[in-house]
Every structure is written in C-alpha cells, then in structure tokens.
Protein backbone atom coordinates (compact mmCIF):
# COMPACT_ATOMS: atom_id res chain seq x y z
CA VAL A 1 0.00 0.00 0.00
CA ARG A 2 1.33 3.41 -0.96
CA LEU A 3 -0.30 6.64 0.22
CA ILE A 4 0.53 9.64 -1.96
CA PRO A 5 -0.90 13.12 -1.30
CA GLY A 6 -3.49 13.68 -4.00
CA THR A 7 -7.21 13.67 -4.74
CA GLY A 8 -8.40 10.31 -3.42
CA VAL A 9 -7.85 8.06 -6.46
CA VAL A 10 -7.61 4.36 -5.54
CA THR A 11 -5.69 2.00 -7.83
CA ILE A 12 -5.67 -1.74 -7.08
CA ASN A 13 -3.30 -3.96 -9.07
CA GLY A 14 -3.06 -1.25 -11.73
CA ARG A 15 -6.85 -0.98 -12.13
CA PRO A 16 -9.23 1.71 -10.85
CA GLU A 17 -11.21 0.81 -7.75
CA ALA A 18 -14.53 0.86 -9.65
CA ASP A 19 -13.26 -1.72 -12.16
CA TYR A 20 -11.70 -3.96 -9.52
CA PHE A 21 -14.67 -4.17 -7.15
CA GLY A 22 -17.44 -3.67 -9.71
CA ASN A 23 -20.79 -2.79 -8.14
CA ARG A 24 -19.94 -3.81 -4.57
CA PRO A 25 -20.28 -0.64 -2.47
CA THR A 26 -19.52 -2.45 0.80
CA LEU A 27 -16.06 -3.47 -0.44
CA LYS A 28 -15.37 0.06 -1.67
CA GLY A 29 -16.43 1.32 1.77
CA MET A 30 -14.01 -1.08 3.46
CA VAL A 31 -11.10 0.38 1.51
CA HIS A 32 -12.00 3.94 2.57
CA GLN A 33 -12.90 3.09 6.19
CA SER A 34 -9.46 3.84 7.63
CA LEU A 35 -9.32 7.18 5.85
CA LYS A 36 -12.79 8.15 7.08
CA VAL A 37 -11.92 7.30 10.69
CA VAL A 38 -9.02 9.81 10.67
CA GLN A 39 -11.00 12.24 8.47
CA VAL A 40 -8.54 12.41 5.56
CA ASP A 41 -10.68 10.70 2.90
CA GLY A 42 -9.97 12.32 -0.46
CA THR A 43 -6.57 13.76 0.47
CA TYR A 44 -4.44 10.73 -0.46
CA ASP A 45 -4.13 8.65 -3.61
CA ILE A 46 -3.84 4.95 -2.79
CA HIS A 47 -1.85 2.47 -4.89
CA VAL A 48 -2.20 -1.16 -3.81
CA ASN A 49 -0.82 -4.52 -4.97
CA VAL A 50 -2.76 -7.45 -3.52
CA HIS A 51 -3.02 -11.15 -4.34
CA GLY A 52 -4.47 -14.34 -2.89
CA GLY A 53 -7.76 -15.03 -1.19
CA GLY A 54 -11.10 -13.80 -2.45
CA ILE A 55 -12.13 -10.28 -3.37
CA SER A 56 -13.72 -9.68 0.06
CA SER A 57 -10.60 -10.83 1.88
CA GLN A 58 -8.50 -8.60 -0.37
CA ALA A 59 -10.67 -5.62 0.57
CA GLY A 60 -10.08 -6.39 4.25
CA ALA A 61 -6.34 -6.69 3.64
CA ILE A 62 -6.33 -3.34 1.83
CA ARG A 63 -8.18 -1.76 4.77
CA HIS A 64 -5.56 -3.13 7.16
CA GLY A 65 -2.72 -1.96 4.90
CA VAL A 66 -4.13 1.55 4.58
CA ALA A 67 -4.50 1.78 8.36
CA ARG A 68 -0.85 0.79 8.82
CA ALA A 69 0.26 3.24 6.12
CA LEU A 70 -1.60 6.06 7.88
CA LEU A 71 0.48 5.38 11.00
CA GLU A 72 3.60 6.00 8.90
CA VAL A 73 2.19 9.43 8.02
CA ASN A 74 1.26 10.61 11.53
CA SER A 75 1.47 7.95 14.24
CA GLU A 76 0.87 10.16 17.28
CA GLU A 77 -2.42 11.61 16.04
CA TYR A 78 -3.87 8.70 14.04
CA ARG A 79 -2.97 5.66 16.17
CA PRO A 80 -5.61 6.12 18.91
CA LEU A 81 -8.34 6.67 16.30
CA VAL A 82 -7.39 3.73 14.09
CA LYS A 83 -6.75 1.37 17.00
CA GLY A 84 -10.02 2.36 18.66
CA ALA A 85 -11.89 1.43 15.48
CA GLY A 86 -10.19 -1.99 15.49
CA LEU A 87 -8.48 -1.48 12.13
CA LEU A 88 -4.99 -2.53 13.24
CA THR A 89 -5.98 -6.07 14.21
CA ARG A 90 -5.04 -8.66 11.59
CA ASP A 91 -7.68 -11.23 10.63
CA PRO A 92 -6.29 -14.45 12.18
CA ARG A 93 -8.29 -16.88 10.03
CA VAL A 94 -6.28 -19.12 7.70
CA LYS A 95 -7.14 -22.09 5.51
CA GLU A 96 -7.57 -25.29 7.50
CA ARG A 97 -5.16 -28.07 6.60
CA LYS A 98 -6.32 -31.14 4.73
CA LYS A 99 -6.73 -34.28 6.83
CA TYR A 100 -6.42 -37.82 5.59
CA GLY A 101 -9.18 -40.38 5.89
C-alpha cells in the first residue's frame, strides 16, 4: 500500500477501484474506512498490490494496509483513532489443513 498526497484516487493492481470491485459498495467502503476514521478521505491517492484469497478478503487486507500506512504518516495523532476502530488487528483466520481419511 502506498499513500501519496493527492485527490483520493484508488488503484488496485493497476486498475481503478470501480473496475476492480465492480458494483460492490460495501467493499469500496471497506477500503475507505481507515481514511474516514481519521477524516482524511480524499486527500491521499492509494496504490495497492494485492493477491491471494477472495475479493472480500482482499478488501479487508487493503483496509488493514491503509491503516498501517496512515500510521507511517502521523502515528501520534492517528494511532488512537485507528486502533479504537479496530483497524490494526489482523484477521487471524487461515485455511484449514487437509486431513487424511
């Protein structure tokens, strides 16, 4: 995830956000959730490379990545807001291993 001061354009794997998520407003909202919590939505361009999992899991991973990138910008001011919203906690679920028999 790269945050660049700009106008709020989101690019995921080289494609615009609208093309990547299609007509799924909840997934688009997940990507912008971290920015809305710290009230800087529309002030940063976001460039993301993501792979693996499904499209919903990728949206959650992008949300987590944006939250961590915001801490690189201004940790003292943003950390209590982002942590209070629960956006710094990684999703612990992983694929269950295959069992014989």
